[in-house]
């Protein structure tokens, strides 16, 4: 659970680093890049420990899958609440299909 919580926190930071600037189109690009890098530093402060703690309990493939699912969940909240974009049905279907991949990654074959 610690791994998942750290990945969740890291993804919140990374989502803001990558997409938070979209609301500030008038800001100079170099400033946006600099601020994004500063935010991304904190993402790494959570991502690296999450992977270090989780590796062994999970495989690297499973850690990446967990991270991607968390990224999608965080991004849905971010894009609808922060960017005020509409969550359309086709986006949901696409995300559900990606989530179906989790079954194949975690299933013991």
PDB file of N, CA and C in Angstrom:
ATOM      1  N   UNK A   1       0.837  -1.199   0.000  1.00  0.00           N
ATOM      2  CA  UNK A   1       0.000   0.000   0.000  1.00  0.00           C
ATOM      3  C   UNK A   1       0.877   1.258   0.000  1.00  0.00           C
ATOM      4  N   UNK A   2       2.033   1.180   0.667  1.00  0.00           N
ATOM      5  CA  UNK A   2       2.946   2.315   0.713  1.00  0.00           C
ATOM      6  C   UNK A   2       3.402   2.687  -0.695  1.00  0.00           C
ATOM      7  N   UNK A   3       3.684   1.672  -1.500  1.00  0.00           N
ATOM      8  CA  UNK A   3       4.120   1.905  -2.879  1.00  0.00           C
ATOM      9  C   UNK A   3       3.048   2.643  -3.660  1.00  0.00           C
ATOM     10  N   UNK A   4       1.820   2.199  -3.540  1.00  0.00           N
ATOM     11  CA  UNK A   4       0.708   2.810  -4.272  1.00  0.00           C
ATOM     12  C   UNK A   4       0.505   4.253  -3.819  1.00  0.00           C
ATOM     13  N   UNK A   5       0.588   4.519  -2.536  1.00  0.00           N
ATOM     14  CA  UNK A   5       0.420   5.880  -2.030  1.00  0.00           C
ATOM     15  C   UNK A   5       1.528   6.797  -2.551  1.00  0.00           C
ATOM     16  N   UNK A   6       2.776   6.323  -2.519  1.00  0.00           N
ATOM     17  CA  UNK A   6       3.886   7.123  -3.044  1.00  0.00           C
ATOM     18  C   UNK A   6       3.731   7.374  -4.537  1.00  0.00           C
ATOM     19  N   UNK A   7       3.269   6.361  -5.275  1.00  0.00           N
ATOM     20  CA  UNK A   7       3.046   6.536  -6.716  1.00  0.00           C
ATOM     21  C   UNK A   7       1.923   7.536  -6.975  1.00  0.00           C
ATOM     22  N   UNK A   8       0.899   7.504  -6.153  1.00  0.00           N
ATOM     23  CA  UNK A   8      -0.201   8.457  -6.292  1.00  0.00           C
ATOM     24  C   UNK A   8       0.303   9.890  -6.096  1.00  0.00           C
ATOM     25  N   UNK A   9       1.063  10.113  -5.044  1.00  0.00           N
ATOM     26  CA  UNK A   9       1.597  11.447  -4.783  1.00  0.00           C
ATOM     27  C   UNK A   9       2.513  11.895  -5.915  1.00  0.00           C
ATOM     28  N   UNK A  10       3.382  10.994  -6.375  1.00  0.00           N
ATOM     29  CA  UNK A  10       4.311  11.359  -7.449  1.00  0.00           C
ATOM     30  C   UNK A  10       3.564  11.712  -8.728  1.00  0.00           C
ATOM     31  N   UNK A  11       2.487  10.996  -9.005  1.00  0.00           N
ATOM     32  CA  UNK A  11       1.727  11.275 -10.222  1.00  0.00           C
ATOM     33  C   UNK A  11       0.969  12.590 -10.154  1.00  0.00           C
ATOM     34  N   UNK A  12       0.554  12.976  -8.979  1.00  0.00           N
ATOM     35  CA  UNK A  12      -0.088  14.289  -8.839  1.00  0.00           C
ATOM     36  C   UNK A  12       0.915  15.381  -9.197  1.00  0.00           C
ATOM     37  N   UNK A  13       2.125  15.267  -8.652  1.00  0.00           N
ATOM     38  CA  UNK A  13       3.158  16.249  -8.991  1.00  0.00           C
ATOM     39  C   UNK A  13       3.465  16.235 -10.485  1.00  0.00           C
ATOM     40  N   UNK A  14       3.626  15.056 -11.063  1.00  0.00           N
ATOM     41  CA  UNK A  14       4.017  14.974 -12.470  1.00  0.00           C
ATOM     42  C   UNK A  14       2.916  15.498 -13.387  1.00  0.00           C
ATOM     43  N   UNK A  15       1.681  15.233 -13.047  1.00  0.00           N
ATOM     44  CA  UNK A  15       0.585  15.733 -13.868  1.00  0.00           C
ATOM     45  C   UNK A  15       0.592  17.261 -13.888  1.00  0.00           C
ATOM     46  N   UNK A  16       0.828  17.876 -12.729  1.00  0.00           N
ATOM     47  CA  UNK A  16       0.922  19.340 -12.700  1.00  0.00           C
ATOM     48  C   UNK A  16       2.155  19.829 -13.450  1.00  0.00           C
ATOM     49  N   UNK A  17       3.254  19.091 -13.358  1.00  0.00           N
ATOM     50  CA  UNK A  17       4.467  19.494 -14.081  1.00  0.00           C
ATOM     51  C   UNK A  17       4.241  19.450 -15.589  1.00  0.00           C
ATOM     52  N   UNK A  18       3.567  18.436 -16.064  1.00  0.00           N
ATOM     53  CA  UNK A  18       3.376  18.267 -17.505  1.00  0.00           C
ATOM     54  C   UNK A  18       2.240  19.109 -18.064  1.00  0.00           C
ATOM     55  N   UNK A  19       1.156  19.255 -17.302  1.00  0.00           N
ATOM     56  CA  UNK A  19      -0.056  19.859 -17.860  1.00  0.00           C
ATOM     57  C   UNK A  19      -0.545  21.108 -17.130  1.00  0.00           C
ATOM     58  N   UNK A  20      -0.029  21.402 -15.951  1.00  0.00           N
ATOM     59  CA  UNK A  20      -0.510  22.539 -15.169  1.00  0.00           C
ATOM     60  C   UNK A  20      -0.349  23.877 -15.867  1.00  0.00           C
ATOM     61  N   UNK A  21       0.660  23.980 -16.699  1.00  0.00           N
ATOM     62  CA  UNK A  21       0.945  25.235 -17.402  1.00  0.00           C
ATOM     63  C   UNK A  21      -0.066  25.554 -18.491  1.00  0.00           C
ATOM     64  N   UNK A  22      -0.897  24.600 -18.864  1.00  0.00           N
ATOM     65  CA  UNK A  22      -1.850  24.827 -19.962  1.00  0.00           C
ATOM     66  C   UNK A  22      -2.860  25.927 -19.642  1.00  0.00           C
ATOM     67  N   UNK A  23      -3.046  26.221 -18.375  1.00  0.00           N
ATOM     68  CA  UNK A  23      -3.938  27.317 -17.988  1.00  0.00           C
ATOM     69  C   UNK A  23      -3.242  28.674 -18.048  1.00  0.00           C
ATOM     70  N   UNK A  24      -1.948  28.674 -18.291  1.00  0.00           N
ATOM     71  CA  UNK A  24      -1.170  29.916 -18.286  1.00  0.00           C
ATOM     72  C   UNK A  24      -0.496  30.114 -19.642  1.00  0.00           C
ATOM     73  N   UNK A  25      -1.298  30.243 -20.663  1.00  0.00           N
ATOM     74  CA  UNK A  25      -0.781  30.346 -22.032  1.00  0.00           C
ATOM     75  C   UNK A  25       0.022  31.617 -22.285  1.00  0.00           C
ATOM     76  N   UNK A  26      -0.165  32.627 -21.463  1.00  0.00           N
ATOM     77  CA  UNK A  26       0.569  33.885 -21.646  1.00  0.00           C
ATOM     78  C   UNK A  26       1.964  33.856 -21.025  1.00  0.00           C
ATOM     79  N   UNK A  27       2.232  32.858 -20.192  1.00  0.00           N
ATOM     80  CA  UNK A  27       3.551  32.766 -19.546  1.00  0.00           C
ATOM     81  C   UNK A  27       4.600  32.377 -20.581  1.00  0.00           C
ATOM     82  N   UNK A  28       5.786  32.924 -20.416  1.00  0.00           N
ATOM     83  CA  UNK A  28       6.895  32.609 -21.327  1.00  0.00           C
ATOM     84  C   UNK A  28       7.236  31.116 -21.228  1.00  0.00           C
ATOM     85  N   UNK A  29       7.550  30.533 -22.356  1.00  0.00           N
ATOM     86  CA  UNK A  29       7.830  29.103 -22.404  1.00  0.00           C
ATOM     87  C   UNK A  29       8.990  28.722 -21.488  1.00  0.00           C
ATOM     88  N   UNK A  30      10.042  29.522 -21.436  1.00  0.00           N
ATOM     89  CA  UNK A  30      11.188  29.177 -20.595  1.00  0.00           C
ATOM     90  C   UNK A  30      10.802  29.149 -19.122  1.00  0.00           C
ATOM     91  N   UNK A  31       9.877  30.022 -18.723  1.00  0.00           N
ATOM     92  CA  UNK A  31       9.420  30.036 -17.337  1.00  0.00           C
ATOM     93  C   UNK A  31       8.598  28.787 -17.037  1.00  0.00           C
ATOM     94  N   UNK A  32       7.755  28.422 -17.989  1.00  0.00           N
ATOM     95  CA  UNK A  32       6.914  27.240 -17.821  1.00  0.00           C
ATOM     96  C   UNK A  32       7.789  25.993 -17.703  1.00  0.00           C
ATOM     97  N   UNK A  33       8.819  25.910 -18.540  1.00  0.00           N
ATOM     98  CA  UNK A  33       9.722  24.759 -18.489  1.00  0.00           C
ATOM     99  C   UNK A  33      10.441  24.712 -17.140  1.00  0.00           C
ATOM    100  N   UNK A  34      10.926  25.831 -16.671  1.00  0.00           N
ATOM    101  CA  UNK A  34      11.641  25.890 -15.395  1.00  0.00           C
ATOM    102  C   UNK A  34      10.739  25.480 -14.233  1.00  0.00           C
ATOM    103  N   UNK A  35       9.538  26.026 -14.187  1.00  0.00           N
ATOM    104  CA  UNK A  35       8.604  25.675 -13.118  1.00  0.00           C
ATOM    105  C   UNK A  35       8.231  24.198 -13.207  1.00  0.00           C
ATOM    106  N   UNK A  36       8.041  23.698 -14.411  1.00  0.00           N
ATOM    107  CA  UNK A  36       7.716  22.278 -14.583  1.00  0.00           C
ATOM    108  C   UNK A  36       8.839  21.388 -14.061  1.00  0.00           C
ATOM    109  N   UNK A  37      10.073  21.761 -14.321  1.00  0.00           N
ATOM    110  CA  UNK A  37      11.217  20.991 -13.823  1.00  0.00           C
ATOM    111  C   UNK A  37      11.269  21.016 -12.299  1.00  0.00           C
ATOM    112  N   UNK A  38      10.966  22.150 -11.717  1.00  0.00           N
ATOM    113  CA  UNK A  38      10.965  22.244 -10.250  1.00  0.00           C
ATOM    114  C   UNK A  38       9.882  21.353  -9.644  1.00  0.00           C
ATOM    115  N   UNK A  39       8.720  21.334 -10.260  1.00  0.00           N
ATOM    116  CA  UNK A  39       7.638  20.471  -9.788  1.00  0.00           C
ATOM    117  C   UNK A  39       8.020  19.010  -9.983  1.00  0.00           C
ATOM    118  N   UNK A  40       8.630  18.692 -11.116  1.00  0.00           N
ATOM    119  CA  UNK A  40       9.015  17.312 -11.419  1.00  0.00           C
ATOM    120  C   UNK A  40      10.050  16.782 -10.425  1.00  0.00           C
ATOM    121  N   UNK A  41      10.870  17.659  -9.854  1.00  0.00           N
ATOM    122  CA  UNK A  41      11.822  17.220  -8.829  1.00  0.00           C
ATOM    123  C   UNK A  41      11.086  16.513  -7.689  1.00  0.00           C
ATOM    124  N   UNK A  42       9.977  17.089  -7.262  1.00  0.00           N
ATOM    125  CA  UNK A  42       9.216  16.488  -6.167  1.00  0.00           C
ATOM    126  C   UNK A  42       8.569  15.179  -6.602  1.00  0.00           C
ATOM    127  N   UNK A  43       8.212  15.092  -7.864  1.00  0.00           N
ATOM    128  CA  UNK A  43       7.681  13.830  -8.389  1.00  0.00           C
ATOM    129  C   UNK A  43       8.716  12.728  -8.205  1.00  0.00           C
ATOM    130  N   UNK A  44       9.946  13.013  -8.542  1.00  0.00           N
ATOM    131  CA  UNK A  44      11.010  12.024  -8.402  1.00  0.00           C
ATOM    132  C   UNK A  44      11.271  11.662  -6.944  1.00  0.00           C
ATOM    133  N   UNK A  45      11.073  12.609  -6.045  1.00  0.00           N
ATOM    134  CA  UNK A  45      11.272  12.343  -4.620  1.00  0.00           C
ATOM    135  C   UNK A  45      10.280  11.301  -4.091  1.00  0.00           C
ATOM    136  N   UNK A  46       9.178  11.107  -4.783  1.00  0.00           N
ATOM    137  CA  UNK A  46       8.201  10.090  -4.399  1.00  0.00           C
ATOM    138  C   UNK A  46       8.272   8.860  -5.313  1.00  0.00           C
ATOM    139  N   UNK A  47       8.530   9.080  -6.588  1.00  0.00           N
ATOM    140  CA  UNK A  47       8.555   7.982  -7.565  1.00  0.00           C
ATOM    141  C   UNK A  47       9.689   6.995  -7.286  1.00  0.00           C
ATOM    142  N   UNK A  48      10.879   7.509  -7.071  1.00  0.00           N
ATOM    143  CA  UNK A  48      12.037   6.631  -6.862  1.00  0.00           C
ATOM    144  C   UNK A  48      11.866   5.773  -5.604  1.00  0.00           C
ATOM    145  N   UNK A  49      11.491   6.355  -4.465  1.00  0.00           N
ATOM    146  CA  UNK A  49      11.252   5.491  -3.298  1.00  0.00           C
ATOM    147  C   UNK A  49      10.114   4.497  -3.507  1.00  0.00           C
ATOM    148  N   UNK A  50       9.075   4.907  -4.218  1.00  0.00           N
ATOM    149  CA  UNK A  50       7.962   3.986  -4.479  1.00  0.00           C
ATOM    150  C   UNK A  50       8.448   2.756  -5.232  1.00  0.00           C
ATOM    151  N   UNK A  51       9.234   2.972  -6.253  1.00  0.00           N
ATOM    152  CA  UNK A  51       9.749   1.844  -7.032  1.00  0.00           C
ATOM    153  C   UNK A  51      10.750   1.018  -6.230  1.00  0.00           C
ATOM    154  N   UNK A  52      11.568   1.669  -5.432  1.00  0.00           N
ATOM    155  CA  UNK A  52      12.555   0.957  -4.612  1.00  0.00           C
ATOM    156  C   UNK A  52      11.854   0.081  -3.582  1.00  0.00           C
ATOM    157  N   UNK A  53      10.834   0.633  -2.923  1.00  0.00           N
ATOM    158  CA  UNK A  53      10.085  -0.114  -1.904  1.00  0.00           C
ATOM    159  C   UNK A  53       9.259  -1.229  -2.539  1.00  0.00           C
ATOM    160  N   UNK A  54       8.644  -0.925  -3.682  1.00  0.00           N
ATOM    161  CA  UNK A  54       7.722  -1.874  -4.298  1.00  0.00           C
ATOM    162  C   UNK A  54       8.379  -3.001  -5.070  1.00  0.00           C
ATOM    163  N   UNK A  55       9.623  -2.786  -5.516  1.00  0.00           N
ATOM    164  CA  UNK A  55      10.293  -3.813  -6.319  1.00  0.00           C
ATOM    165  C   UNK A  55      10.638  -5.005  -5.437  1.00  0.00           C
ATOM    166  N   UNK A  56      10.210  -6.160  -5.859  1.00  0.00           N
ATOM    167  CA  UNK A  56      10.343  -7.365  -5.042  1.00  0.00           C
ATOM    168  C   UNK A  56       8.963  -7.863  -4.652  1.00  0.00           C
ATOM    169  N   UNK A  57       8.147  -6.925  -4.165  1.00  0.00           N
ATOM    170  CA  UNK A  57       6.731  -7.245  -3.936  1.00  0.00           C
ATOM    171  C   UNK A  57       6.029  -7.296  -5.291  1.00  0.00           C
ATOM    172  N   UNK A  58       6.439  -6.404  -6.191  1.00  0.00           N
ATOM    173  CA  UNK A  58       5.931  -6.343  -7.551  1.00  0.00           C
ATOM    174  C   UNK A  58       7.109  -6.467  -8.511  1.00  0.00           C
ATOM    175  N   UNK A  59       6.834  -6.944  -9.711  1.00  0.00           N
ATOM    176  CA  UNK A  59       7.852  -6.927 -10.746  1.00  0.00           C
ATOM    177  C   UNK A  59       7.930  -5.518 -11.325  1.00  0.00           C
ATOM    178  N   UNK A  60       8.956  -5.241 -12.099  1.00  0.00           N
ATOM    179  CA  UNK A  60       9.063  -3.927 -12.745  1.00  0.00           C
ATOM    180  C   UNK A  60       7.886  -3.698 -13.690  1.00  0.00           C
ATOM    181  N   UNK A  61       7.451  -4.753 -14.385  1.00  0.00           N
ATOM    182  CA  UNK A  61       6.292  -4.633 -15.269  1.00  0.00           C
ATOM    183  C   UNK A  61       5.033  -4.281 -14.478  1.00  0.00           C
ATOM    184  N   UNK A  62       4.872  -4.900 -13.325  1.00  0.00           N
ATOM    185  CA  UNK A  62       3.705  -4.605 -12.496  1.00  0.00           C
ATOM    186  C   UNK A  62       3.774  -3.187 -11.917  1.00  0.00           C
ATOM    187  N   UNK A  63       4.953  -2.767 -11.499  1.00  0.00           N
ATOM    188  CA  UNK A  63       5.103  -1.392 -10.992  1.00  0.00           C
ATOM    189  C   UNK A  63       4.727  -0.376 -12.059  1.00  0.00           C
ATOM    190  N   UNK A  64       5.177  -0.618 -13.283  1.00  0.00           N
ATOM    191  CA  UNK A  64       4.849   0.302 -14.380  1.00  0.00           C
ATOM    192  C   UNK A  64       3.351   0.301 -14.651  1.00  0.00           C
ATOM    193  N   UNK A  65       2.733  -0.851 -14.591  1.00  0.00           N
ATOM    194  CA  UNK A  65       1.289  -0.950 -14.819  1.00  0.00           C
ATOM    195  C   UNK A  65       0.528  -0.195 -13.737  1.00  0.00           C
ATOM    196  N   UNK A  66       0.912  -0.378 -12.493  1.00  0.00           N
ATOM    197  CA  UNK A  66       0.277   0.352 -11.388  1.00  0.00           C
ATOM    198  C   UNK A  66       0.419   1.853 -11.606  1.00  0.00           C
ATOM    199  N   UNK A  67       1.624   2.261 -11.975  1.00  0.00           N
ATOM    200  CA  UNK A  67       1.889   3.681 -12.195  1.00  0.00           C
ATOM    201  C   UNK A  67       1.013   4.240 -13.312  1.00  0.00           C
ATOM    202  N   UNK A  68       0.843   3.489 -14.384  1.00  0.00           N
ATOM    203  CA  UNK A  68       0.027   3.970 -15.511  1.00  0.00           C
ATOM    204  C   UNK A  68      -1.446   4.078 -15.127  1.00  0.00           C
ATOM    205  N   UNK A  69      -1.945   3.130 -14.360  1.00  0.00           N
ATOM    206  CA  UNK A  69      -3.347   3.193 -13.921  1.00  0.00           C
ATOM    207  C   UNK A  69      -3.548   4.405 -13.018  1.00  0.00           C
ATOM    208  N   UNK A  70      -2.630   4.607 -12.094  1.00  0.00           N
ATOM    209  CA  UNK A  70      -2.719   5.784 -11.220  1.00  0.00           C
ATOM    210  C   UNK A  70      -2.653   7.057 -12.053  1.00  0.00           C
ATOM    211  N   UNK A  71      -1.789   7.081 -13.047  1.00  0.00           N
ATOM    212  CA  UNK A  71      -1.679   8.249 -13.920  1.00  0.00           C
ATOM    213  C   UNK A  71      -3.012   8.558 -14.588  1.00  0.00           C
ATOM    214  N   UNK A  72      -3.692   7.540 -15.084  1.00  0.00           N
ATOM    215  CA  UNK A  72      -4.989   7.754 -15.735  1.00  0.00           C
ATOM    216  C   UNK A  72      -6.022   8.294 -14.753  1.00  0.00           C
ATOM    217  N   UNK A  73      -6.059   7.722 -13.554  1.00  0.00           N
ATOM    218  CA  UNK A  73      -7.024   8.175 -12.552  1.00  0.00           C
ATOM    219  C   UNK A  73      -6.743   9.626 -12.163  1.00  0.00           C
ATOM    220  N   UNK A  74      -5.482   9.942 -11.910  1.00  0.00           N
ATOM    221  CA  UNK A  74      -5.112  11.313 -11.558  1.00  0.00           C
ATOM    222  C   UNK A  74      -5.433  12.261 -12.714  1.00  0.00           C
ATOM    223  N   UNK A  75      -5.125  11.830 -13.937  1.00  0.00           N
ATOM    224  CA  UNK A  75      -5.351  12.697 -15.085  1.00  0.00           C
ATOM    225  C   UNK A  75      -6.834  12.976 -15.314  1.00  0.00           C
ATOM    226  N   UNK A  76      -7.679  11.989 -15.086  1.00  0.00           N
ATOM    227  CA  UNK A  76      -9.122  12.211 -15.224  1.00  0.00           C
ATOM    228  C   UNK A  76      -9.568  13.317 -14.270  1.00  0.00           C
ATOM    229  N   UNK A  77      -9.148  13.212 -13.014  1.00  0.00           N
ATOM    230  CA  UNK A  77      -9.498  14.243 -12.045  1.00  0.00           C
ATOM    231  C   UNK A  77      -8.910  15.593 -12.409  1.00  0.00           C
ATOM    232  N   UNK A  78      -7.648  15.602 -12.820  1.00  0.00           N
ATOM    233  CA  UNK A  78      -6.966  16.839 -13.177  1.00  0.00           C
ATOM    234  C   UNK A  78      -7.621  17.523 -14.369  1.00  0.00           C
ATOM    235  N   UNK A  79      -7.861  16.761 -15.425  1.00  0.00           N
ATOM    236  CA  UNK A  79      -8.393  17.386 -16.647  1.00  0.00           C
ATOM    237  C   UNK A  79      -9.824  17.866 -16.471  1.00  0.00           C
ATOM    238  N   UNK A  80     -10.607  17.173 -15.657  1.00  0.00           N
ATOM    239  CA  UNK A  80     -11.989  17.615 -15.464  1.00  0.00           C
ATOM    240  C   UNK A  80     -12.087  18.739 -14.428  1.00  0.00           C
ATOM    241  N   UNK A  81     -11.325  18.649 -13.342  1.00  0.00           N
ATOM    242  CA  UNK A  81     -11.436  19.647 -12.281  1.00  0.00           C
ATOM    243  C   UNK A  81     -10.552  20.870 -12.509  1.00  0.00           C
ATOM    244  N   UNK A  82      -9.315  20.674 -12.930  1.00  0.00           N
ATOM    245  CA  UNK A  82      -8.379  21.789 -13.075  1.00  0.00           C
ATOM    246  C   UNK A  82      -8.476  22.445 -14.450  1.00  0.00           C
ATOM    247  N   UNK A  83      -8.482  21.621 -15.509  1.00  0.00           N
ATOM    248  CA  UNK A  83      -8.566  22.170 -16.865  1.00  0.00           C
ATOM    249  C   UNK A  83     -10.007  22.381 -17.324  1.00  0.00           C
ATOM    250  N   UNK A  84     -10.946  21.839 -16.569  1.00  0.00           N
ATOM    251  CA  UNK A  84     -12.372  21.974 -16.869  1.00  0.00           C
ATOM    252  C   UNK A  84     -12.744  21.406 -18.243  1.00  0.00           C
ATOM    253  N   UNK A  85     -12.138  20.281 -18.571  1.00  0.00           N
ATOM    254  CA  UNK A  85     -12.478  19.595 -19.814  1.00  0.00           C
ATOM    255  C   UNK A  85     -13.549  18.550 -19.538  1.00  0.00           C
ATOM    256  N   UNK A  86     -14.339  18.282 -20.547  1.00  0.00           N
ATOM    257  CA  UNK A  86     -15.408  17.302 -20.423  1.00  0.00           C
ATOM    258  C   UNK A  86     -14.832  15.889 -20.562  1.00  0.00           C
ATOM    259  N   UNK A  87     -15.278  14.994 -19.679  1.00  0.00           N
ATOM    260  CA  UNK A  87     -14.905  13.587 -19.777  1.00  0.00           C
ATOM    261  C   UNK A  87     -15.924  12.902 -20.678  1.00  0.00           C
ATOM    262  N   UNK A  88     -15.522  12.623 -21.904  1.00  0.00           N
ATOM    263  CA  UNK A  88     -16.433  12.050 -22.895  1.00  0.00           C
ATOM    264  C   UNK A  88     -16.445  10.529 -22.798  1.00  0.00           C
ATOM    265  N   UNK A  89     -17.516   9.941 -23.321  1.00  0.00           N
ATOM    266  CA  UNK A  89     -17.683   8.503 -23.218  1.00  0.00           C
ATOM    267  C   UNK A  89     -16.550   7.739 -23.903  1.00  0.00           C
ATOM    268  N   UNK A  90     -16.051   8.239 -25.010  1.00  0.00           N
ATOM    269  CA  UNK A  90     -14.997   7.516 -25.716  1.00  0.00           C
ATOM    270  C   UNK A  90     -13.679   7.532 -24.936  1.00  0.00           C
ATOM    271  N   UNK A  91     -13.446   8.578 -24.135  1.00  0.00           N
ATOM    272  CA  UNK A  91     -12.264   8.599 -23.271  1.00  0.00           C
ATOM    273  C   UNK A  91     -12.391   7.507 -22.204  1.00  0.00           C
ATOM    274  N   UNK A  92     -13.585   7.400 -21.628  1.00  0.00           N
ATOM    275  CA  UNK A  92     -13.833   6.384 -20.600  1.00  0.00           C
ATOM    276  C   UNK A  92     -13.636   4.991 -21.180  1.00  0.00           C
ATOM    277  N   UNK A  93     -14.170   4.740 -22.359  1.00  0.00           N
ATOM    278  CA  UNK A  93     -14.006   3.426 -22.996  1.00  0.00           C
ATOM    279  C   UNK A  93     -12.525   3.142 -23.230  1.00  0.00           C
ATOM    280  N   UNK A  94     -11.795   4.123 -23.724  1.00  0.00           N
ATOM    281  CA  UNK A  94     -10.357   3.939 -23.944  1.00  0.00           C
ATOM    282  C   UNK A  94      -9.624   3.617 -22.658  1.00  0.00           C
ATOM    283  N   UNK A  95      -9.944   4.322 -21.587  1.00  0.00           N
ATOM    284  CA  UNK A  95      -9.296   4.065 -20.303  1.00  0.00           C
ATOM    285  C   UNK A  95      -9.675   2.691 -19.756  1.00  0.00           C
ATOM    286  N   UNK A  96     -10.919   2.295 -19.938  1.00  0.00           N
ATOM    287  CA  UNK A  96     -11.341   0.965 -19.484  1.00  0.00           C
ATOM    288  C   UNK A  96     -10.562  -0.118 -20.234  1.00  0.00           C
ATOM    289  N   UNK A  97     -10.347   0.079 -21.520  1.00  0.00           N
ATOM    290  CA  UNK A  97      -9.561  -0.902 -22.282  1.00  0.00           C
ATOM    291  C   UNK A  97      -8.115  -0.956 -21.780  1.00  0.00           C
ATOM    292  N   UNK A  98      -7.577   0.173 -21.412  1.00  0.00           N
ATOM    293  CA  UNK A  98      -6.231   0.183 -20.841  1.00  0.00           C
ATOM    294  C   UNK A  98      -6.236  -0.550 -19.497  1.00  0.00           C
ATOM    295  N   UNK A  99      -7.265  -0.322 -18.706  1.00  0.00           N
ATOM    296  CA  UNK A  99      -7.371  -1.018 -17.424  1.00  0.00           C
ATOM    297  C   UNK A  99      -7.499  -2.529 -17.601  1.00  0.00           C
ATOM    298  N   UNK A 100      -8.068  -2.951 -18.711  1.00  0.00           N
ATOM    299  CA  UNK A 100      -8.153  -4.386 -18.989  1.00  0.00           C
ATOM    300  C   UNK A 100      -6.762  -5.008 -19.086  1.00  0.00           C
ATOM    301  N   UNK A 101      -5.790  -4.219 -19.476  1.00  0.00           N
ATOM    302  CA  UNK A 101      -4.407  -4.706 -19.549  1.00  0.00           C
ATOM    303  C   UNK A 101      -3.898  -5.110 -18.172  1.00  0.00           C
ATOM    304  N   UNK A 102      -4.417  -4.497 -17.127  1.00  0.00           N
ATOM    305  CA  UNK A 102      -4.004  -4.828 -15.761  1.00  0.00           C
ATOM    306  C   UNK A 102      -4.267  -6.311 -15.482  1.00  0.00           C
ATOM    307  N   UNK A 103      -5.378  -6.800 -15.949  1.00  0.00           N
ATOM    308  CA  UNK A 103      -5.707  -8.216 -15.768  1.00  0.00           C
ATOM    309  C   UNK A 103      -4.596  -9.095 -16.325  1.00  0.00           C
ATOM    310  N   UNK A 104      -4.151  -8.796 -17.518  1.00  0.00           N
ATOM    311  CA  UNK A 104      -3.141  -9.627 -18.154  1.00  0.00           C
ATOM    312  C   UNK A 104      -1.772  -9.504 -17.482  1.00  0.00           C
ATOM    313  N   UNK A 105      -1.473  -8.342 -16.955  1.00  0.00           N
ATOM    314  CA  UNK A 105      -0.179  -8.145 -16.280  1.00  0.00           C
ATOM    315  C   UNK A 105      -0.141  -8.846 -14.930  1.00  0.00           C
ATOM    316  N   UNK A 106      -1.244  -8.809 -14.185  1.00  0.00           N
ATOM    317  CA  UNK A 106      -1.253  -9.347 -12.828  1.00  0.00           C
ATOM    318  C   UNK A 106      -1.758 -10.781 -12.715  1.00  0.00           C
ATOM    319  N   UNK A 107      -2.366 -11.309 -13.761  1.00  0.00           N
ATOM    320  CA  UNK A 107      -2.871 -12.685 -13.726  1.00  0.00           C
ATOM    321  C   UNK A 107      -1.709 -13.663 -13.660  1.00  0.00           C
ATOM    322  N   UNK A 108      -1.805 -14.628 -12.777  1.00  0.00           N
ATOM    323  CA  UNK A 108      -0.797 -15.693 -12.688  1.00  0.00           C
ATOM    324  C   UNK A 108      -1.107 -16.711 -13.770  1.00  0.00           C
ATOM    325  N   UNK A 109      -0.262 -16.803 -14.742  1.00  0.00           N
ATOM    326  CA  UNK A 109      -0.499 -17.709 -15.877  1.00  0.00           C
ATOM    327  C   UNK A 109       0.203 -19.032 -15.660  1.00  0.00           C
TER     328      UNK A 109
END
